[in-house]
PDB file of N, CA and C in Angstrom:
ATOM      1  N   MET A   1       0.837  -1.170   0.000  1.00  0.00           N
ATOM      2  CA  MET A   1       0.000   0.000   0.000  1.00  0.00           C
ATOM      3  C   MET A   1       0.891   1.246   0.000  1.00  0.00           C
ATOM      4  N   GLU A   2       0.602   2.147  -0.902  1.00  0.00           N
ATOM      5  CA  GLU A   2       1.367   3.391  -0.951  1.00  0.00           C
ATOM      6  C   GLU A   2       0.891   4.314   0.169  1.00  0.00           C
ATOM      7  N   THR A   3       1.842   4.882   0.874  1.00  0.00           N
ATOM      8  CA  THR A   3       1.526   5.810   1.956  1.00  0.00           C
ATOM      9  C   THR A   3       1.723   7.240   1.461  1.00  0.00           C
ATOM     10  N   PRO A   4       1.190   8.219   2.188  1.00  0.00           N
ATOM     11  CA  PRO A   4       1.395   9.611   1.772  1.00  0.00           C
ATOM     12  C   PRO A   4       2.872   9.978   1.632  1.00  0.00           C
ATOM     13  N   ILE A   5       3.688   9.498   2.532  1.00  0.00           N
ATOM     14  CA  ILE A   5       5.112   9.858   2.471  1.00  0.00           C
ATOM     15  C   ILE A   5       5.807   9.194   1.281  1.00  0.00           C
ATOM     16  N   THR A   6       5.434   7.970   0.942  1.00  0.00           N
ATOM     17  CA  THR A   6       6.048   7.347  -0.234  1.00  0.00           C
ATOM     18  C   THR A   6       5.583   8.039  -1.514  1.00  0.00           C
ATOM     19  N   TYR A   7       4.362   8.520  -1.516  1.00  0.00           N
ATOM     20  CA  TYR A   7       3.845   9.273  -2.663  1.00  0.00           C
ATOM     21  C   TYR A   7       4.655  10.554  -2.871  1.00  0.00           C
ATOM     22  N   VAL A   8       4.848  11.319  -1.802  1.00  0.00           N
ATOM     23  CA  VAL A   8       5.627  12.558  -1.877  1.00  0.00           C
ATOM     24  C   VAL A   8       7.076  12.243  -2.230  1.00  0.00           C
ATOM     25  N   ASN A   9       7.611  11.211  -1.629  1.00  0.00           N
ATOM     26  CA  ASN A   9       8.993  10.817  -1.924  1.00  0.00           C
ATOM     27  C   ASN A   9       9.170  10.490  -3.406  1.00  0.00           C
ATOM     28  N   LYS A  10       8.207   9.795  -3.979  1.00  0.00           N
ATOM     29  CA  LYS A  10       8.269   9.455  -5.403  1.00  0.00           C
ATOM     30  C   LYS A  10       8.272  10.727  -6.254  1.00  0.00           C
ATOM     31  N   LEU A  11       7.425  11.695  -5.901  1.00  0.00           N
ATOM     32  CA  LEU A  11       7.413  12.968  -6.628  1.00  0.00           C
ATOM     33  C   LEU A  11       8.765  13.667  -6.540  1.00  0.00           C
ATOM     34  N   ILE A  12       9.335  13.681  -5.348  1.00  0.00           N
ATOM     35  CA  ILE A  12      10.625  14.343  -5.143  1.00  0.00           C
ATOM     36  C   ILE A  12      11.728  13.642  -5.933  1.00  0.00           C
ATOM     37  N   MET A  13      11.771  12.330  -5.872  1.00  0.00           N
ATOM     38  CA  MET A  13      12.844  11.583  -6.535  1.00  0.00           C
ATOM     39  C   MET A  13      12.800  11.742  -8.058  1.00  0.00           C
ATOM     40  N   GLU A  14      11.610  11.962  -8.604  1.00  0.00           N
ATOM     41  CA  GLU A  14      11.500  12.157 -10.048  1.00  0.00           C
ATOM     42  C   GLU A  14      12.125  13.479 -10.494  1.00  0.00           C
ATOM     43  N   HIS A  15      12.240  14.430  -9.559  1.00  0.00           N
ATOM     44  CA  HIS A  15      12.741  15.765  -9.911  1.00  0.00           C
ATOM     45  C   HIS A  15      13.830  16.231  -8.954  1.00  0.00           C
ATOM     46  N   ILE A  16      14.604  15.322  -8.432  1.00  0.00           N
ATOM     47  CA  ILE A  16      15.609  15.631  -7.412  1.00  0.00           C
ATOM     48  C   ILE A  16      16.673  16.619  -7.904  1.00  0.00           C
ATOM     49  N   ASP A  17      16.923  16.637  -9.192  1.00  0.00           N
ATOM     50  CA  ASP A  17      17.966  17.521  -9.733  1.00  0.00           C
ATOM     51  C   ASP A  17      17.564  18.993  -9.755  1.00  0.00           C
ATOM     52  N   ASN A  18      16.286  19.258  -9.575  1.00  0.00           N
ATOM     53  CA  ASN A  18      15.808  20.637  -9.651  1.00  0.00           C
ATOM     54  C   ASN A  18      14.916  20.950  -8.444  1.00  0.00           C
ATOM     55  N   PRO A  19      15.497  21.426  -7.346  1.00  0.00           N
ATOM     56  CA  PRO A  19      14.735  21.681  -6.119  1.00  0.00           C
ATOM     57  C   PRO A  19      13.561  22.644  -6.296  1.00  0.00           C
ATOM     58  N   SER A  20      13.688  23.621  -7.179  1.00  0.00           N
ATOM     59  CA  SER A  20      12.576  24.561  -7.364  1.00  0.00           C
ATOM     60  C   SER A  20      11.362  23.861  -7.969  1.00  0.00           C
ATOM     61  N   VAL A  21      11.607  22.880  -8.819  1.00  0.00           N
ATOM     62  CA  VAL A  21      10.504  22.098  -9.385  1.00  0.00           C
ATOM     63  C   VAL A  21       9.807  21.319  -8.274  1.00  0.00           C
ATOM     64  N   VAL A  22      10.594  20.746  -7.374  1.00  0.00           N
ATOM     65  CA  VAL A  22      10.028  19.983  -6.254  1.00  0.00           C
ATOM     66  C   VAL A  22       9.169  20.891  -5.382  1.00  0.00           C
ATOM     67  N   THR A  23       9.687  22.062  -5.054  1.00  0.00           N
ATOM     68  CA  THR A  23       8.935  23.004  -4.222  1.00  0.00           C
ATOM     69  C   THR A  23       7.625  23.402  -4.890  1.00  0.00           C
ATOM     70  N   ASN A  24       7.692  23.742  -6.161  1.00  0.00           N
ATOM     71  CA  ASN A  24       6.479  24.126  -6.887  1.00  0.00           C
ATOM     72  C   ASN A  24       5.507  22.961  -7.009  1.00  0.00           C
ATOM     73  N   MET A  25       6.038  21.762  -7.205  1.00  0.00           N
ATOM     74  CA  MET A  25       5.187  20.591  -7.326  1.00  0.00           C
ATOM     75  C   MET A  25       4.444  20.323  -6.018  1.00  0.00           C
ATOM     76  N   ILE A  26       5.131  20.437  -4.908  1.00  0.00           N
ATOM     77  CA  ILE A  26       4.481  20.216  -3.613  1.00  0.00           C
ATOM     78  C   ILE A  26       3.385  21.253  -3.408  1.00  0.00           C
ATOM     79  N   LYS A  27       3.653  22.483  -3.788  1.00  0.00           N
ATOM     80  CA  LYS A  27       2.622  23.521  -3.696  1.00  0.00           C
ATOM     81  C   LYS A  27       1.437  23.182  -4.593  1.00  0.00           C
ATOM     82  N   ASP A  28       1.718  22.746  -5.816  1.00  0.00           N
ATOM     83  CA  ASP A  28       0.661  22.419  -6.773  1.00  0.00           C
ATOM     84  C   ASP A  28      -0.167  21.215  -6.331  1.00  0.00           C
ATOM     85  N   TYR A  29       0.490  20.240  -5.729  1.00  0.00           N
ATOM     86  CA  TYR A  29      -0.185  19.004  -5.338  1.00  0.00           C
ATOM     87  C   TYR A  29      -0.610  18.991  -3.868  1.00  0.00           C
ATOM     88  N   TYR A  30      -0.521  20.119  -3.197  1.00  0.00           N
ATOM     89  CA  TYR A  30      -0.780  20.179  -1.756  1.00  0.00           C
ATOM     90  C   TYR A  30      -2.145  19.599  -1.382  1.00  0.00           C
ATOM     91  N   SER A  31      -3.204  20.031  -2.054  1.00  0.00           N
ATOM     92  CA  SER A  31      -4.533  19.528  -1.697  1.00  0.00           C
ATOM     93  C   SER A  31      -4.659  18.040  -2.012  1.00  0.00           C
ATOM     94  N   GLU A  32      -4.034  17.597  -3.096  1.00  0.00           N
ATOM     95  CA  GLU A  32      -4.059  16.173  -3.438  1.00  0.00           C
ATOM     96  C   GLU A  32      -3.313  15.350  -2.384  1.00  0.00           C
ATOM     97  N   ILE A  33      -2.195  15.871  -1.913  1.00  0.00           N
ATOM     98  CA  ILE A  33      -1.423  15.182  -0.876  1.00  0.00           C
ATOM     99  C   ILE A  33      -2.233  15.099   0.413  1.00  0.00           C
ATOM    100  N   LEU A  34      -2.906  16.191   0.774  1.00  0.00           N
ATOM    101  CA  LEU A  34      -3.742  16.176   1.979  1.00  0.00           C
ATOM    102  C   LEU A  34      -4.887  15.177   1.850  1.00  0.00           C
ATOM    103  N   GLN A  35      -5.507  15.103   0.668  1.00  0.00           N
ATOM    104  CA  GLN A  35      -6.592  14.147   0.458  1.00  0.00           C
ATOM    105  C   GLN A  35      -6.067  12.717   0.512  1.00  0.00           C
ATOM    106  N   PHE A  36      -4.897  12.482  -0.049  1.00  0.00           N
ATOM    107  CA  PHE A  36      -4.264  11.163   0.001  1.00  0.00           C
ATOM    108  C   PHE A  36      -4.042  10.767   1.452  1.00  0.00           C
ATOM    109  N   GLU A  37      -3.520  11.708   2.245  1.00  0.00           N
ATOM    110  CA  GLU A  37      -3.274  11.444   3.659  1.00  0.00           C
ATOM    111  C   GLU A  37      -4.581  11.133   4.388  1.00  0.00           C
ATOM    112  N   ALA A  38      -5.620  11.908   4.135  1.00  0.00           N
ATOM    113  CA  ALA A  38      -6.914  11.690   4.786  1.00  0.00           C
ATOM    114  C   ALA A  38      -7.456  10.303   4.454  1.00  0.00           C
ATOM    115  N   ASN A  39      -7.430   9.938   3.186  1.00  0.00           N
ATOM    116  CA  ASN A  39      -7.926   8.620   2.776  1.00  0.00           C
ATOM    117  C   ASN A  39      -7.102   7.498   3.395  1.00  0.00           C
ATOM    118  N   PHE A  40      -5.799   7.691   3.486  1.00  0.00           N
ATOM    119  CA  PHE A  40      -4.918   6.691   4.086  1.00  0.00           C
ATOM    120  C   PHE A  40      -5.265   6.491   5.562  1.00  0.00           C
ATOM    121  N   ILE A  41      -5.410   7.581   6.297  1.00  0.00           N
ATOM    122  CA  ILE A  41      -5.740   7.502   7.726  1.00  0.00           C
ATOM    123  C   ILE A  41      -7.089   6.826   7.922  1.00  0.00           C
ATOM    124  N   LYS A  42      -8.072   7.202   7.114  1.00  0.00           N
ATOM    125  CA  LYS A  42      -9.408   6.603   7.236  1.00  0.00           C
ATOM    126  C   LYS A  42      -9.365   5.107   6.925  1.00  0.00           C
ATOM    127  N   LYS A  43      -8.591   4.718   5.909  1.00  0.00           N
ATOM    128  CA  LYS A  43      -8.498   3.287   5.563  1.00  0.00           C
ATOM    129  C   LYS A  43      -7.895   2.487   6.706  1.00  0.00           C
ATOM    130  N   ILE A  44      -6.837   3.005   7.315  1.00  0.00           N
ATOM    131  CA  ILE A  44      -6.221   2.322   8.456  1.00  0.00           C
ATOM    132  C   ILE A  44      -7.229   2.202   9.592  1.00  0.00           C
ATOM    133  N   TYR A  45      -7.972   3.269   9.850  1.00  0.00           N
ATOM    134  CA  TYR A  45      -8.968   3.259  10.926  1.00  0.00           C
ATOM    135  C   TYR A  45     -10.069   2.242  10.624  1.00  0.00           C
ATOM    136  N   ILE A  46     -10.552   2.235   9.386  1.00  0.00           N
ATOM    137  CA  ILE A  46     -11.598   1.282   8.993  1.00  0.00           C
ATOM    138  C   ILE A  46     -11.108  -0.151   9.174  1.00  0.00           C
ATOM    139  N   ASP A  47      -9.876  -0.424   8.781  1.00  0.00           N
ATOM    140  CA  ASP A  47      -9.318  -1.774   8.912  1.00  0.00           C
ATOM    141  C   ASP A  47      -9.223  -2.220  10.368  1.00  0.00           C
ATOM    142  N   ALA A  48      -9.127  -1.265  11.287  1.00  0.00           N
ATOM    143  CA  ALA A  48      -8.999  -1.602  12.709  1.00  0.00           C
ATOM    144  C   ALA A  48     -10.352  -1.790  13.398  1.00  0.00           C
ATOM    145  N   LEU A  49     -11.436  -1.411  12.738  1.00  0.00           N
ATOM    146  CA  LEU A  49     -12.764  -1.534  13.348  1.00  0.00           C
ATOM    147  C   LEU A  49     -13.248  -2.986  13.306  1.00  0.00           C
ATOM    148  N   PRO A  50     -14.192  -3.329  14.193  1.00  0.00           N
ATOM    149  CA  PRO A  50     -14.734  -4.693  14.204  1.00  0.00           C
ATOM    150  C   PRO A  50     -15.359  -5.075  12.859  1.00  0.00           C
ATOM    151  N   LEU A  51     -15.213  -6.327  12.503  1.00  0.00           N
ATOM    152  CA  LEU A  51     -15.700  -6.811  11.212  1.00  0.00           C
ATOM    153  C   LEU A  51     -17.222  -6.786  11.092  1.00  0.00           C
ATOM    154  N   ASP A  52     -17.934  -6.856  12.220  1.00  0.00           N
ATOM    155  CA  ASP A  52     -19.390  -6.943  12.158  1.00  0.00           C
ATOM    156  C   ASP A  52     -20.079  -5.601  11.889  1.00  0.00           C
ATOM    157  N   LEU A  53     -19.345  -4.519  11.843  1.00  0.00           N
ATOM    158  CA  LEU A  53     -19.938  -3.222  11.510  1.00  0.00           C
ATOM    159  C   LEU A  53     -20.155  -3.123  10.003  1.00  0.00           C
ATOM    160  N   SER A  54     -21.207  -2.414   9.614  1.00  0.00           N
ATOM    161  CA  SER A  54     -21.462  -2.223   8.184  1.00  0.00           C
ATOM    162  C   SER A  54     -20.411  -1.287   7.594  1.00  0.00           C
ATOM    163  N   ILE A  55     -20.241  -1.375   6.296  1.00  0.00           N
ATOM    164  CA  ILE A  55     -19.266  -0.512   5.611  1.00  0.00           C
ATOM    165  C   ILE A  55     -19.643   0.956   5.811  1.00  0.00           C
ATOM    166  N   ALA A  56     -20.920   1.270   5.680  1.00  0.00           N
ATOM    167  CA  ALA A  56     -21.362   2.662   5.842  1.00  0.00           C
ATOM    168  C   ALA A  56     -21.043   3.168   7.244  1.00  0.00           C
ATOM    169  N   ASN A  57     -21.270   2.325   8.239  1.00  0.00           N
ATOM    170  CA  ASN A  57     -20.979   2.714   9.622  1.00  0.00           C
ATOM    171  C   ASN A  57     -19.473   2.897   9.822  1.00  0.00           C
ATOM    172  N   LYS A  58     -18.679   1.999   9.253  1.00  0.00           N
ATOM    173  CA  LYS A  58     -17.221   2.120   9.355  1.00  0.00           C
ATOM    174  C   LYS A  58     -16.742   3.422   8.712  1.00  0.00           C
ATOM    175  N   GLU A  59     -17.286   3.737   7.539  1.00  0.00           N
ATOM    176  CA  GLU A  59     -16.888   4.965   6.847  1.00  0.00           C
ATOM    177  C   GLU A  59     -17.286   6.201   7.646  1.00  0.00           C
ATOM    178  N   ARG A  60     -18.462   6.165   8.252  1.00  0.00           N
ATOM    179  CA  ARG A  60     -18.916   7.283   9.078  1.00  0.00           C
ATOM    180  C   ARG A  60     -18.001   7.462  10.278  1.00  0.00           C
ATOM    181  N   LEU A  61     -17.664   6.367  10.951  1.00  0.00           N
ATOM    182  CA  LEU A  61     -16.777   6.434  12.114  1.00  0.00           C
ATOM    183  C   LEU A  61     -15.371   6.895  11.725  1.00  0.00           C
ATOM    184  N   ALA A  62     -14.892   6.440  10.584  1.00  0.00           N
ATOM    185  CA  ALA A  62     -13.562   6.849  10.119  1.00  0.00           C
ATOM    186  C   ALA A  62     -13.535   8.341   9.796  1.00  0.00           C
ATOM    187  N   GLU A  63     -14.590   8.826   9.167  1.00  0.00           N
ATOM    188  CA  GLU A  63     -14.674  10.260   8.859  1.00  0.00           C
ATOM    189  C   GLU A  63     -14.696  11.081  10.144  1.00  0.00           C
ATOM    190  N   LYS A  64     -15.482  10.631  11.107  1.00  0.00           N
ATOM    191  CA  LYS A  64     -15.561  11.322  12.404  1.00  0.00           C
ATOM    192  C   LYS A  64     -14.192  11.321  13.089  1.00  0.00           C
ATOM    193  N   TYR A  65     -13.535  10.170  13.094  1.00  0.00           N
ATOM    194  CA  TYR A  65     -12.207  10.054  13.707  1.00  0.00           C
ATOM    195  C   TYR A  65     -11.220  11.012  13.045  1.00  0.00           C
ATOM    196  N   TYR A  66     -11.231  11.032  11.721  1.00  0.00           N
ATOM    197  CA  TYR A  66     -10.304  11.910  11.004  1.00  0.00           C
ATOM    198  C   TYR A  66     -10.579  13.377  11.336  1.00  0.00           C
ATOM    199  N   LEU A  67     -11.827  13.775  11.289  1.00  0.00           N
ATOM    200  CA  LEU A  67     -12.169  15.174  11.556  1.00  0.00           C
ATOM    201  C   LEU A  67     -11.806  15.590  12.978  1.00  0.00           C
ATOM    202  N   GLU A  68     -12.008  14.700  13.931  1.00  0.00           N
ATOM    203  CA  GLU A  68     -11.722  15.024  15.335  1.00  0.00           C
ATOM    204  C   GLU A  68     -10.226  15.037  15.649  1.00  0.00           C
ATOM    205  N   ASN A  69      -9.447  14.270  14.920  1.00  0.00           N
ATOM    206  CA  ASN A  69      -8.042  14.099  15.291  1.00  0.00           C
ATOM    207  C   ASN A  69      -7.015  14.666  14.319  1.00  0.00           C
ATOM    208  N   PHE A  70      -7.408  14.960  13.100  1.00  0.00           N
ATOM    209  CA  PHE A  70      -6.413  15.355  12.104  1.00  0.00           C
ATOM    210  C   PHE A  70      -6.745  16.629  11.335  1.00  0.00           C
ATOM    211  N   THR A  71      -7.776  17.335  11.738  1.00  0.00           N
ATOM    212  CA  THR A  71      -8.078  18.596  11.069  1.00  0.00           C
ATOM    213  C   THR A  71      -7.817  19.742  12.023  1.00  0.00           C
ATOM    214  N   LYS A  72      -7.515  20.878  11.444  1.00  0.00           N
ATOM    215  CA  LYS A  72      -7.237  22.061  12.265  1.00  0.00           C
ATOM    216  C   LYS A  72      -8.519  22.522  12.935  1.00  0.00           C
ATOM    217  N   LYS A  73      -8.360  22.930  14.171  1.00  0.00           N
ATOM    218  CA  LYS A  73      -9.532  23.409  14.914  1.00  0.00           C
ATOM    219  C   LYS A  73      -9.404  24.868  15.206  1.00  0.00           C
TER     220      LYS A  73
END
């Protein structure tokens, strides 16, 4: 499974010779990176929930967990 850090690392390694490109790319992909991170955290949380919960309930709980623990307040 690709993690947010491996995703960013892959972007950086593709353009390692030009640091300004890396900086601009991170700025350009910032919202995509944040969404990748959010989905990754929610997936890990869903995988840790009991198997007998419905998918919809797991997704709701994962969204709640993410909002309570990983968003700016």
